[in-house]
C-alpha atoms as a PDB file:
ATOM      1  CA  MET A   1      -6.353   2.691 -16.719  1.00  0.00           C
ATOM      2  CA  GLN A   2      -9.776   3.642 -15.434  1.00  0.00           C
ATOM      3  CA  ILE A   3     -11.643   2.617 -12.302  1.00  0.00           C
ATOM      4  CA  ASN A   4     -15.153   3.472 -13.388  1.00  0.00           C
ATOM      5  CA  HIS A   5     -14.965   7.213 -14.142  1.00  0.00           C
ATOM      6  CA  ILE A   6     -11.566   7.701 -12.451  1.00  0.00           C
ATOM      7  CA  ASP A   7      -8.846   8.049 -15.075  1.00  0.00           C
ATOM      8  CA  LEU A   8      -5.436   7.086 -13.675  1.00  0.00           C
ATOM      9  CA  GLY A   9      -3.609   7.446 -16.971  1.00  0.00           C
ATOM     10  CA  ASN A  10      -1.343   4.969 -18.699  1.00  0.00           C
ATOM     11  CA  GLN A  11       0.627   2.526 -16.513  1.00  0.00           C
ATOM     12  CA  PRO A  12      -0.326   4.045 -13.151  1.00  0.00           C
ATOM     13  CA  VAL A  13       1.736   3.422 -10.028  1.00  0.00           C
ATOM     14  CA  LEU A  14      -0.253   3.162  -6.797  1.00  0.00           C
ATOM     15  CA  LEU A  15       0.653   3.332  -3.112  1.00  0.00           C
ATOM     16  CA  ALA A  16      -0.497   0.181  -1.310  1.00  0.00           C
ATOM     17  CA  PRO A  17      -2.564   0.348   1.869  1.00  0.00           C
ATOM     18  CA  MET A  18      -0.285  -0.448   4.828  1.00  0.00           C
ATOM     19  CA  GLU A  19      -1.184  -0.429   8.494  1.00  0.00           C
ATOM     20  CA  ASP A  20       0.817   2.084  10.545  1.00  0.00           C
ATOM     21  CA  VAL A  21       2.417   3.383   7.320  1.00  0.00           C
ATOM     22  CA  THR A  22      -0.044   5.039   4.945  1.00  0.00           C
ATOM     23  CA  ASP A  23      -1.198   7.836   7.236  1.00  0.00           C
ATOM     24  CA  PRO A  24      -2.301  11.156   5.682  1.00  0.00           C
ATOM     25  CA  ALA A  25       1.167  12.749   5.801  1.00  0.00           C
ATOM     26  CA  PHE A  26       2.859   9.810   4.078  1.00  0.00           C
ATOM     27  CA  ARG A  27       0.119   9.563   1.465  1.00  0.00           C
ATOM     28  CA  LEU A  28       0.547  13.233   0.601  1.00  0.00           C
ATOM     29  CA  MET A  29       4.304  12.818   0.310  1.00  0.00           C
ATOM     30  CA  CYS A  30       3.967   9.831  -2.011  1.00  0.00           C
ATOM     31  CA  LYS A  31       1.416  11.760  -4.033  1.00  0.00           C
ATOM     32  CA  ARG A  32       3.878  14.628  -4.351  1.00  0.00           C
ATOM     33  CA  PHE A  33       6.485  12.235  -5.700  1.00  0.00           C
ATOM     34  CA  GLY A  34       4.149  10.860  -8.354  1.00  0.00           C
ATOM     35  CA  ALA A  35       1.867   8.174  -6.899  1.00  0.00           C
ATOM     36  CA  ASP A  36      -1.188   8.066  -9.161  1.00  0.00           C
ATOM     37  CA  MET A  37      -3.487   6.809  -6.414  1.00  0.00           C
ATOM     38  CA  VAL A  38      -3.073   6.288  -2.671  1.00  0.00           C
ATOM     39  CA  TYR A  39      -4.823   4.090  -0.115  1.00  0.00           C
ATOM     40  CA  THR A  40      -5.490   4.595   3.565  1.00  0.00           C
ATOM     41  CA  GLU A  41      -4.483   2.184   6.281  1.00  0.00           C
ATOM     42  CA  PHE A  42      -7.051  -0.593   6.502  1.00  0.00           C
ATOM     43  CA  VAL A  43     -10.119   0.114   8.616  1.00  0.00           C
ATOM     44  CA  SER A  44     -11.856  -2.477  10.778  1.00  0.00           C
ATOM     45  CA  SER A  45     -15.546  -2.674   9.925  1.00  0.00           C
ATOM     46  CA  ASP A  46     -16.398  -3.807  13.453  1.00  0.00           C
ATOM     47  CA  ALA A  47     -14.567  -0.860  15.018  1.00  0.00           C
ATOM     48  CA  LEU A  48     -16.023   1.542  12.478  1.00  0.00           C
ATOM     49  CA  ILE A  49     -19.644   0.688  13.203  1.00  0.00           C
ATOM     50  CA  ARG A  50     -18.890   1.011  16.934  1.00  0.00           C
ATOM     51  CA  PHE A  51     -17.566   4.519  16.239  1.00  0.00           C
ATOM     52  CA  VAL A  52     -14.150   3.858  17.803  1.00  0.00           C
ATOM     53  CA  ASN A  53     -12.347   7.216  17.651  1.00  0.00           C
ATOM     54  CA  LYS A  54      -8.988   5.885  16.487  1.00  0.00           C
ATOM     55  CA  THR A  55     -10.695   4.021  13.658  1.00  0.00           C
ATOM     56  CA  GLN A  56     -12.812   7.017  12.701  1.00  0.00           C
ATOM     57  CA  GLU A  57      -9.614   9.054  12.345  1.00  0.00           C
ATOM     58  CA  LYS A  58      -8.482   6.726   9.554  1.00  0.00           C
ATOM     59  CA  LEU A  59     -11.297   8.087   7.397  1.00  0.00           C
ATOM     60  CA  THR A  60      -9.615  11.495   7.284  1.00  0.00           C
ATOM     61  CA  ILE A  61      -8.710  12.332   3.692  1.00  0.00           C
ATOM     62  CA  CYS A  62      -8.115  15.581   1.820  1.00  0.00           C
ATOM     63  CA  ASP A  63      -8.536  16.806  -1.730  1.00  0.00           C
ATOM     64  CA  GLU A  64      -4.753  17.103  -2.260  1.00  0.00           C
ATOM     65  CA  GLU A  65      -4.316  13.339  -2.121  1.00  0.00           C
ATOM     66  CA  ARG A  66      -7.077  12.437  -4.591  1.00  0.00           C
ATOM     67  CA  PRO A  67      -7.739  10.023  -6.074  1.00  0.00           C
ATOM     68  CA  VAL A  68      -7.713   8.206  -2.735  1.00  0.00           C
ATOM     69  CA  ALA A  69      -9.204   4.891  -1.621  1.00  0.00           C
ATOM     70  CA  ILE A  70     -10.329   3.906   1.853  1.00  0.00           C
ATOM     71  CA  GLN A  71      -9.875   0.205   2.597  1.00  0.00           C
ATOM     72  CA  ILE A  72     -12.041  -1.811   4.976  1.00  0.00           C
ATOM     73  CA  TYR A  73     -11.838  -5.359   6.300  1.00  0.00           C
ATOM     74  CA  GLY A  74     -14.026  -7.692   8.318  1.00  0.00           C
ATOM     75  CA  LYS A  75     -15.758 -11.071   8.271  1.00  0.00           C
ATOM     76  CA  ASP A  76     -19.374 -10.146   9.005  1.00  0.00           C
ATOM     77  CA  THR A  77     -21.531  -9.207   6.033  1.00  0.00           C
ATOM     78  CA  ASP A  78     -23.827  -6.817   7.881  1.00  0.00           C
ATOM     79  CA  ALA A  79     -20.908  -5.045   9.536  1.00  0.00           C
ATOM     80  CA  MET A  80     -19.085  -4.678   6.211  1.00  0.00           C
ATOM     81  CA  ARG A  81     -22.228  -3.350   4.551  1.00  0.00           C
ATOM     82  CA  GLU A  82     -22.754  -0.747   7.262  1.00  0.00           C
ATOM     83  CA  ALA A  83     -19.058   0.169   7.359  1.00  0.00           C
ATOM     84  CA  ALA A  84     -19.145   0.723   3.604  1.00  0.00           C
ATOM     85  CA  ARG A  85     -21.974   3.221   4.013  1.00  0.00           C
ATOM     86  CA  ILE A  86     -20.039   5.059   6.729  1.00  0.00           C
ATOM     87  CA  VAL A  87     -16.943   5.153   4.512  1.00  0.00           C
ATOM     88  CA  GLU A  88     -18.946   6.561   1.608  1.00  0.00           C
ATOM     89  CA  GLU A  89     -19.883   9.538   3.789  1.00  0.00           C
ATOM     90  CA  ALA A  90     -16.154  10.377   4.020  1.00  0.00           C
ATOM     91  CA  HIS A  91     -16.227  10.852   0.215  1.00  0.00           C
ATOM     92  CA  PRO A  92     -13.275   8.735  -0.944  1.00  0.00           C
ATOM     93  CA  ASP A  93     -12.934   8.160  -4.660  1.00  0.00           C
ATOM     94  CA  VAL A  94     -12.853   4.380  -4.193  1.00  0.00           C
ATOM     95  CA  LEU A  95     -13.795   1.889  -1.486  1.00  0.00           C
ATOM     96  CA  ASP A  96     -11.400  -1.072  -1.337  1.00  0.00           C
ATOM     97  CA  ILE A  97     -12.066  -4.383   0.406  1.00  0.00           C
ATOM     98  CA  ASN A  98      -9.119  -6.107   2.074  1.00  0.00           C
ATOM     99  CA  PHE A  99      -9.132  -9.848   1.415  1.00  0.00           C
ATOM    100  CA  GLY A 100      -5.353 -10.072   1.555  1.00  0.00           C
ATOM    101  CA  CYS A 101      -3.953  -9.145   4.975  1.00  0.00           C
ATOM    102  CA  PRO A 102      -2.085 -12.245   6.208  1.00  0.00           C
ATOM    103  CA  VAL A 103      -1.356 -11.313   9.834  1.00  0.00           C
ATOM    104  CA  LYS A 104      -2.718 -13.647  12.465  1.00  0.00           C
ATOM    105  CA  ARG A 105      -4.887 -11.122  14.295  1.00  0.00           C
ATOM    106  CA  VAL A 106      -6.773 -10.495  11.035  1.00  0.00           C
ATOM    107  CA  ALA A 107      -6.544 -13.621   8.868  1.00  0.00           C
ATOM    108  CA  GLY A 108      -6.627 -15.926  11.872  1.00  0.00           C
ATOM    109  CA  LYS A 109     -10.059 -14.570  12.746  1.00  0.00           C
ATOM    110  CA  GLY A 110     -11.411 -15.109   9.255  1.00  0.00           C
ATOM    111  CA  ALA A 111     -11.004 -11.576   7.874  1.00  0.00           C
ATOM    112  CA  GLY A 112      -8.422 -10.305   5.364  1.00  0.00           C
ATOM    113  CA  ALA A 113      -6.670 -13.257   3.718  1.00  0.00           C
ATOM    114  CA  GLY A 114      -8.694 -15.511   6.020  1.00  0.00           C
ATOM    115  CA  MET A 115     -11.538 -15.069   3.547  1.00  0.00           C
ATOM    116  CA  LEU A 116      -9.541 -17.163   1.065  1.00  0.00           C
ATOM    117  CA  ARG A 117     -10.734 -20.177   3.095  1.00  0.00           C
ATOM    118  CA  ASP A 118     -14.398 -19.179   2.779  1.00  0.00           C
ATOM    119  CA  ILE A 119     -15.015 -18.060  -0.795  1.00  0.00           C
ATOM    120  CA  PRO A 120     -18.839 -18.073  -0.550  1.00  0.00           C
ATOM    121  CA  LYS A 121     -18.611 -15.628   2.373  1.00  0.00           C
ATOM    122  CA  MET A 122     -16.047 -13.506   0.491  1.00  0.00           C
ATOM    123  CA  LEU A 123     -18.394 -13.229  -2.464  1.00  0.00           C
ATOM    124  CA  GLU A 124     -21.368 -12.518  -0.236  1.00  0.00           C
ATOM    125  CA  ILE A 125     -19.525  -9.657   1.446  1.00  0.00           C
ATOM    126  CA  THR A 126     -18.331  -8.289  -1.893  1.00  0.00           C
ATOM    127  CA  ARG A 127     -21.843  -8.244  -3.351  1.00  0.00           C
ATOM    128  CA  ALA A 128     -23.220  -6.623  -0.202  1.00  0.00           C
ATOM    129  CA  VAL A 129     -20.620  -3.846  -0.222  1.00  0.00           C
ATOM    130  CA  VAL A 130     -21.024  -3.179  -3.955  1.00  0.00           C
ATOM    131  CA  ASP A 131     -24.799  -2.923  -3.532  1.00  0.00           C
ATOM    132  CA  ALA A 132     -24.509  -0.687  -0.450  1.00  0.00           C
ATOM    133  CA  VAL A 133     -22.629   2.238  -2.013  1.00  0.00           C
ATOM    134  CA  ARG A 134     -22.563   4.338  -5.168  1.00  0.00           C
ATOM    135  CA  ILE A 135     -18.789   4.802  -5.334  1.00  0.00           C
ATOM    136  CA  PRO A 136     -16.554   2.247  -7.105  1.00  0.00           C
ATOM    137  CA  VAL A 137     -15.686  -0.827  -5.024  1.00  0.00           C
ATOM    138  CA  THR A 138     -12.408  -2.668  -5.580  1.00  0.00           C
ATOM    139  CA  VAL A 139     -10.799  -5.703  -3.961  1.00  0.00           C
ATOM    140  CA  LYS A 140      -7.250  -6.541  -2.915  1.00  0.00           C
ATOM    141  CA  THR A 141      -6.401 -10.185  -2.312  1.00  0.00           C
ATOM    142  CA  ARG A 142      -3.713 -12.861  -2.715  1.00  0.00           C
ATOM    143  CA  LEU A 143      -3.081 -15.894  -4.934  1.00  0.00           C
ATOM    144  CA  GLY A 144      -4.749 -18.207  -2.442  1.00  0.00           C
ATOM    145  CA  TRP A 145      -4.382 -19.608   1.056  1.00  0.00           C
ATOM    146  CA  ASP A 146      -1.289 -21.746   0.358  1.00  0.00           C
ATOM    147  CA  ASP A 147       0.627 -23.420  -2.476  1.00  0.00           C
ATOM    148  CA  ASN A 148      -2.012 -26.148  -2.734  1.00  0.00           C
ATOM    149  CA  HIS A 149      -4.837 -23.650  -3.094  1.00  0.00           C
ATOM    150  CA  LYS A 150      -3.784 -20.999  -5.618  1.00  0.00           C
ATOM    151  CA  ILE A 151      -7.311 -20.145  -6.714  1.00  0.00           C
ATOM    152  CA  ILE A 152      -6.921 -16.584  -7.958  1.00  0.00           C
ATOM    153  CA  VAL A 153      -7.691 -17.186 -11.656  1.00  0.00           C
ATOM    154  CA  GLY A 154     -11.166 -18.536 -10.987  1.00  0.00           C
ATOM    155  CA  LEU A 155     -11.715 -16.293  -7.981  1.00  0.00           C
ATOM    156  CA  ALA A 156     -10.990 -13.190 -10.029  1.00  0.00           C
ATOM    157  CA  GLU A 157     -13.885 -14.026 -12.362  1.00  0.00           C
ATOM    158  CA  GLN A 158     -16.207 -14.553  -9.400  1.00  0.00           C
ATOM    159  CA  LEU A 159     -15.227 -11.233  -7.823  1.00  0.00           C
ATOM    160  CA  GLN A 160     -15.722  -9.475 -11.132  1.00  0.00           C
ATOM    161  CA  ASP A 161     -19.205 -10.988 -11.347  1.00  0.00           C
ATOM    162  CA  CYS A 162     -19.952  -9.389  -7.967  1.00  0.00           C
ATOM    163  CA  GLY A 163     -19.565  -5.964  -9.572  1.00  0.00           C
ATOM    164  CA  ILE A 164     -16.154  -4.770  -8.440  1.00  0.00           C
ATOM    165  CA  ALA A 165     -14.483  -2.076 -10.533  1.00  0.00           C
ATOM    166  CA  ALA A 166     -10.861  -3.305 -10.262  1.00  0.00           C
ATOM    167  CA  LEU A 167      -8.835  -6.075  -8.638  1.00  0.00           C
ATOM    168  CA  THR A 168      -5.419  -5.864  -7.002  1.00  0.00           C
ATOM    169  CA  ILE A 169      -3.516  -9.135  -6.579  1.00  0.00           C
ATOM    170  CA  HIS A 170      -0.546  -9.613  -4.272  1.00  0.00           C
ATOM    171  CA  GLY A 171       1.654 -12.314  -5.778  1.00  0.00           C
ATOM    172  CA  ARG A 172       1.948 -14.411  -2.630  1.00  0.00           C
ATOM    173  CA  THR A 173      -0.270 -16.847  -0.745  1.00  0.00           C
ATOM    174  CA  ARG A 174      -1.385 -16.209   2.794  1.00  0.00           C
ATOM    175  CA  ALA A 175       0.967 -18.968   3.987  1.00  0.00           C
ATOM    176  CA  GLN A 176       3.916 -17.089   2.511  1.00  0.00           C
ATOM    177  CA  MET A 177       3.092 -13.947   4.475  1.00  0.00           C
ATOM    178  CA  TYR A 178       5.793 -11.588   3.106  1.00  0.00           C
ATOM    179  CA  THR A 179       8.537 -14.176   2.630  1.00  0.00           C
ATOM    180  CA  GLY A 180      10.015 -15.516  -0.578  1.00  0.00           C
ATOM    181  CA  GLU A 181       9.493 -13.880  -3.934  1.00  0.00           C
ATOM    182  CA  ALA A 182       6.168 -12.681  -5.272  1.00  0.00           C
ATOM    183  CA  ASP A 183       4.903 -14.909  -8.096  1.00  0.00           C
ATOM    184  CA  TRP A 184       3.536 -12.725 -10.860  1.00  0.00           C
ATOM    185  CA  THR A 185       2.751 -15.547 -13.282  1.00  0.00           C
ATOM    186  CA  LEU A 186      -0.752 -16.038 -11.914  1.00  0.00           C
ATOM    187  CA  ILE A 187      -1.324 -12.281 -11.859  1.00  0.00           C
ATOM    188  CA  GLY A 188      -0.493 -12.361 -15.564  1.00  0.00           C
ATOM    189  CA  ALA A 189      -2.844 -15.321 -16.039  1.00  0.00           C
ATOM    190  CA  VAL A 190      -5.697 -13.325 -14.533  1.00  0.00           C
ATOM    191  CA  LYS A 191      -4.939 -10.323 -16.720  1.00  0.00           C
ATOM    192  CA  ASN A 192      -4.736 -12.473 -19.846  1.00  0.00           C
ATOM    193  CA  ASN A 193      -7.981 -14.305 -19.091  1.00  0.00           C
ATOM    194  CA  PRO A 194     -10.310 -13.190 -21.922  1.00  0.00           C
ATOM    195  CA  ARG A 195     -13.254 -13.173 -19.531  1.00  0.00           C
ATOM    196  CA  MET A 196     -11.703 -10.445 -17.398  1.00  0.00           C
ATOM    197  CA  HIS A 197     -12.578  -6.883 -18.350  1.00  0.00           C
ATOM    198  CA  ILE A 198     -11.865  -4.913 -15.171  1.00  0.00           C
ATOM    199  CA  PRO A 199      -8.401  -3.423 -14.485  1.00  0.00           C
ATOM    200  CA  ILE A 200      -5.896  -5.792 -12.876  1.00  0.00           C
ATOM    201  CA  ILE A 201      -3.297  -4.246 -10.569  1.00  0.00           C
ATOM    202  CA  GLY A 202      -0.207  -6.242  -9.603  1.00  0.00           C
ATOM    203  CA  ASN A 203       1.436  -6.010  -6.191  1.00  0.00           C
ATOM    204  CA  GLY A 204       4.508  -7.600  -4.663  1.00  0.00           C
ATOM    205  CA  ASP A 205       8.236  -6.819  -4.730  1.00  0.00           C
ATOM    206  CA  ILE A 206       8.013  -3.616  -6.769  1.00  0.00           C
ATOM    207  CA  THR A 207      11.207  -2.124  -5.366  1.00  0.00           C
ATOM    208  CA  SER A 208      12.810  -0.565  -8.425  1.00  0.00           C
ATOM    209  CA  PRO A 209      11.885   1.239 -11.648  1.00  0.00           C
ATOM    210  CA  GLU A 210      13.210  -1.670 -13.696  1.00  0.00           C
ATOM    211  CA  ARG A 211      10.999  -4.167 -11.888  1.00  0.00           C
ATOM    212  CA  ALA A 212       7.938  -1.968 -12.384  1.00  0.00           C
ATOM    213  CA  ARG A 213       8.584  -1.799 -16.127  1.00  0.00           C
ATOM    214  CA  GLU A 214       9.192  -5.549 -16.292  1.00  0.00           C
ATOM    215  CA  CYS A 215       5.857  -6.282 -14.616  1.00  0.00           C
ATOM    216  CA  PHE A 216       3.989  -4.047 -17.025  1.00  0.00           C
ATOM    217  CA  ASP A 217       5.736  -5.520 -20.055  1.00  0.00           C
ATOM    218  CA  ARG A 218       5.842  -9.190 -19.087  1.00  0.00           C
ATOM    219  CA  TYR A 219       2.503  -9.625 -17.352  1.00  0.00           C
ATOM    220  CA  GLY A 220       0.379  -6.959 -19.042  1.00  0.00           C
ATOM    221  CA  VAL A 221      -1.109  -5.577 -15.841  1.00  0.00           C
ATOM    222  CA  ASP A 222      -3.018  -2.320 -15.978  1.00  0.00           C
ATOM    223  CA  GLY A 223      -1.274  -0.860 -12.924  1.00  0.00           C
ATOM    224  CA  VAL A 224       1.348  -1.713 -10.315  1.00  0.00           C
ATOM    225  CA  MET A 225       1.121  -1.139  -6.593  1.00  0.00           C
ATOM    226  CA  VAL A 226       4.119  -0.312  -4.414  1.00  0.00           C
ATOM    227  CA  GLY A 227       4.014  -1.401  -0.786  1.00  0.00           C
ATOM    228  CA  ARG A 228       7.076  -2.023   1.353  1.00  0.00           C
ATOM    229  CA  GLY A 229       9.292  -0.557  -1.372  1.00  0.00           C
ATOM    230  CA  ALA A 230       7.938   2.881  -0.477  1.00  0.00           C
ATOM    231  CA  ILE A 231       8.640   2.686   3.262  1.00  0.00           C
ATOM    232  CA  GLY A 232      11.495   5.076   3.963  1.00  0.00           C
ATOM    233  CA  CYS A 233      11.674   5.666   0.226  1.00  0.00           C
ATOM    234  CA  PRO A 234       8.711   7.782  -0.937  1.00  0.00           C
ATOM    235  CA  TRP A 235      10.806   9.064  -3.850  1.00  0.00           C
ATOM    236  CA  ILE A 236      10.471   5.626  -5.482  1.00  0.00           C
ATOM    237  CA  PHE A 237       7.347   6.881  -7.258  1.00  0.00           C
ATOM    238  CA  ARG A 238       9.337   9.691  -8.849  1.00  0.00           C
ATOM    239  CA  GLU A 239      11.958   7.228 -10.017  1.00  0.00           C
ATOM    240  CA  ILE A 240       9.456   4.713 -11.397  1.00  0.00           C
ATOM    241  CA  LYS A 241       7.383   7.324 -13.234  1.00  0.00           C
ATOM    242  CA  HIS A 242      10.499   8.802 -14.829  1.00  0.00           C
ATOM    243  CA  TYR A 243      11.697   5.387 -15.997  1.00  0.00           C
ATOM    244  CA  LEU A 244       8.305   4.397 -17.391  1.00  0.00           C
ATOM    245  CA  THR A 245       8.105   7.679 -19.299  1.00  0.00           C
ATOM    246  CA  THR A 246      11.668   7.988 -20.608  1.00  0.00           C
ATOM    247  CA  GLY A 247      13.181   4.512 -20.400  1.00  0.00           C
ATOM    248  CA  GLU A 248      16.074   6.020 -18.461  1.00  0.00           C
ATOM    249  CA  LEU A 249      16.916   5.905 -14.784  1.00  0.00           C
ATOM    250  CA  LEU A 250      16.509   9.207 -13.000  1.00  0.00           C
ATOM    251  CA  PRO A 251      19.912  10.634 -12.034  1.00  0.00           C
ATOM    252  CA  ARG A 252      20.651  10.377  -8.332  1.00  0.00           C
ATOM    253  CA  GLN A 253      20.170  13.477  -6.226  1.00  0.00           C
ATOM    254  CA  PRO A 254      22.776  14.568  -3.669  1.00  0.00           C
ATOM    255  CA  PHE A 255      22.663  12.468  -0.507  1.00  0.00           C
ATOM    256  CA  GLU A 256      21.432  15.470   1.488  1.00  0.00           C
ATOM    257  CA  TRP A 257      18.337  15.719  -0.741  1.00  0.00           C
ATOM    258  CA  TYR A 258      17.137  12.268   0.340  1.00  0.00           C
ATOM    259  CA  LEU A 259      18.055  12.943   3.946  1.00  0.00           C
ATOM    260  CA  GLU A 260      15.918  16.079   3.868  1.00  0.00           C
ATOM    261  CA  VAL A 261      12.949  14.033   2.676  1.00  0.00           C
ATOM    262  CA  LEU A 262      13.366  11.764   5.700  1.00  0.00           C
ATOM    263  CA  ARG A 263      13.591  14.794   7.991  1.00  0.00           C
ATOM    264  CA  GLU A 264      10.335  16.035   6.493  1.00  0.00           C
ATOM    265  CA  GLU A 265       8.752  12.662   7.232  1.00  0.00           C
ATOM    266  CA  VAL A 266       9.859  12.977  10.849  1.00  0.00           C
ATOM    267  CA  LEU A 267       8.403  16.464  11.218  1.00  0.00           C
ATOM    268  CA  SER A 268       5.124  15.487   9.544  1.00  0.00           C
ATOM    269  CA  SER A 269       4.765  12.501  11.833  1.00  0.00           C
ATOM    270  CA  VAL A 270       5.424  14.595  14.930  1.00  0.00           C
ATOM    271  CA  ALA A 271       2.996  17.289  13.778  1.00  0.00           C
ATOM    272  CA  ARG A 272       0.249  14.698  13.242  1.00  0.00           C
ATOM    273  CA  LEU A 273       0.744  12.907  16.548  1.00  0.00           C
ATOM    274  CA  ASP A 274       3.148  14.400  19.092  1.00  0.00           C
ATOM    275  CA  GLU A 275       6.897  14.210  19.594  1.00  0.00           C
ATOM    276  CA  ARG A 276       7.022  10.880  21.405  1.00  0.00           C
ATOM    277  CA  ARG A 277       4.429   9.038  19.316  1.00  0.00           C
ATOM    278  CA  GLY A 278       5.535  10.690  16.098  1.00  0.00           C
ATOM    279  CA  ILE A 279       9.108   9.494  16.520  1.00  0.00           C
ATOM    280  CA  LEU A 280       7.951   6.000  17.446  1.00  0.00           C
ATOM    281  CA  HIS A 281       5.805   5.946  14.323  1.00  0.00           C
ATOM    282  CA  ILE A 282       8.568   7.080  11.976  1.00  0.00           C
ATOM    283  CA  ARG A 283      11.167   4.602  13.232  1.00  0.00           C
ATOM    284  CA  ARG A 284       9.834   1.991  10.823  1.00  0.00           C
ATOM    285  CA  HIS A 285      10.616   4.279   7.898  1.00  0.00           C
ATOM    286  CA  LEU A 286      14.090   5.079   9.174  1.00  0.00           C
ATOM    287  CA  ALA A 287      14.832   1.396   9.721  1.00  0.00           C
ATOM    288  CA  ALA A 288      13.627   0.413   6.234  1.00  0.00           C
ATOM    289  CA  THR A 289      15.079   3.196   4.096  1.00  0.00           C
ATOM    290  CA  PRO A 290      17.614   2.039   1.491  1.00  0.00           C
ATOM    291  CA  LEU A 291      19.396   5.392   1.782  1.00  0.00           C
ATOM    292  CA  PHE A 292      21.836   4.148   4.398  1.00  0.00           C
ATOM    293  CA  LYS A 293      22.697   0.833   2.755  1.00  0.00           C
ATOM    294  CA  GLY A 294      26.338   0.504   1.896  1.00  0.00           C
ATOM    295  CA  ILE A 295      27.629   2.930   4.522  1.00  0.00           C
ATOM    296  CA  PRO A 296      30.299   0.934   6.389  1.00  0.00           C
ATOM    297  CA  ASN A 297      30.047   0.485  10.134  1.00  0.00           C
ATOM    298  CA  PHE A 298      26.643   2.155  10.108  1.00  0.00           C
ATOM    299  CA  LYS A 299      24.984  -0.107  12.663  1.00  0.00           C
ATOM    300  CA  PRO A 300      25.784   2.071  15.729  1.00  0.00           C
ATOM    301  CA  THR A 301      24.306   5.103  13.961  1.00  0.00           C
ATOM    302  CA  ARG A 302      21.201   3.166  12.973  1.00  0.00           C
ATOM    303  CA  VAL A 303      20.718   1.961  16.544  1.00  0.00           C
ATOM    304  CA  ALA A 304      21.163   5.501  17.856  1.00  0.00           C
ATOM    305  CA  MET A 305      18.546   6.819  15.415  1.00  0.00           C
ATOM    306  CA  LEU A 306      16.037   4.189  16.454  1.00  0.00           C
ATOM    307  CA  ARG A 307      16.626   4.966  20.124  1.00  0.00           C
ATOM    308  CA  ALA A 308      16.335   8.740  19.814  1.00  0.00           C
ATOM    309  CA  GLU A 309      13.434  10.149  21.808  1.00  0.00           C
ATOM    310  CA  THR A 310      13.324  13.784  20.659  1.00  0.00           C
ATOM    311  CA  VAL A 311      13.435  15.506  17.286  1.00  0.00           C
ATOM    312  CA  ASN A 312      16.575  17.416  18.249  1.00  0.00           C
ATOM    313  CA  GLU A 313      18.367  14.245  19.286  1.00  0.00           C
ATOM    314  CA  LEU A 314      17.292  12.432  16.118  1.00  0.00           C
ATOM    315  CA  PHE A 315      18.267  15.276  13.816  1.00  0.00           C
ATOM    316  CA  GLU A 316      21.669  15.655  15.470  1.00  0.00           C
ATOM    317  CA  ILE A 317      22.351  12.020  14.609  1.00  0.00           C
ATOM    318  CA  MET A 318      20.995  12.374  11.074  1.00  0.00           C
ATOM    319  CA  ASN A 319      23.074  15.522  10.507  1.00  0.00           C
ATOM    320  CA  ARG A 320      26.237  13.489  11.068  1.00  0.00           C
ATOM    321  CA  ILE A 321      25.333  10.872   8.466  1.00  0.00           C
ATOM    322  CA  PRO A 322      26.507  12.820   5.380  1.00  0.00           C
ATOM    323  CA  ASN A 323      30.049  12.802   6.783  1.00  0.00           C
ATOM    324  CA  GLU A 324      29.844   9.028   7.271  1.00  0.00           C
ATOM    325  CA  GLN A 325      28.482   8.654   3.759  1.00  0.00           C
ATOM    326  CA  MET A 326      31.252  10.805   2.256  1.00  0.00           C
ATOM    327  CA  THR A 327      33.845   8.753   4.105  1.00  0.00           C
ATOM    328  CA  ALA A 328      32.321   5.623   2.571  1.00  0.00           C
ATOM    329  CA  GLU A 329      32.718   7.094  -0.916  1.00  0.00           C
END
């Protein structure tokens, strides 16, 4: 799969842009485990053109994580055009436009998935961003606003006509948020539309190597994007890539190996922020990781981990988990 001149190889697996998740440290870790391309947290165009420091920090990328995309969102054409030019100065490989975020503070104000209710404005913004920069521009969106307005097949053609270099489709409507199952049938319909010639990337419920392979085989997508399945589980890229290459599941590592990866996430988060904020940030990963599923009577340990306020306290709790896990076996 290629996005303009960027060769991502055969059946690439990408890390989805996720707010408060895909910070530089996590992107580098996912890259180390095999992610073919990574995306930043989304960046508000309005905040970017006002030079808000916290937003400017989201433009920080490094060569080790390339190819890397910076994603922007907004509802004003001029602001999106100017934000795109600012992003280009950060030298990402790709600029991605977010037309898919369903949360109320974004979509409710007409940005993100809110644009699915104003297609002329969506297309206007897309054309403006494409014309404003020299780097490849891609779009990430959803099937439509709700079950009565699944418009992605026709919309995909319109976005392609605006000059985008690739399209990522999340297999849910905005109304679904993140509930229910992702519907990949319309993603497949877009890919199999003979008028489409840009790469189509599928997103939604890629939580296992088997599911990744199924989506490639059944729907013919050019790439798959992993979102929530990577939270607390950055090694999923290693597992998926191995399965796609060999057709066999990667043998499980010792429990301590996975626990050490989570410890590394904690330390990276603390190093990037500080102890208090770093631990607060990483709690989402610790709460979501599948590593602890199946350990009986684990709830008190989970609660203790999520209440820990220092690295020492957190690691003392985590160091006791292997004994609990061995008892479970």
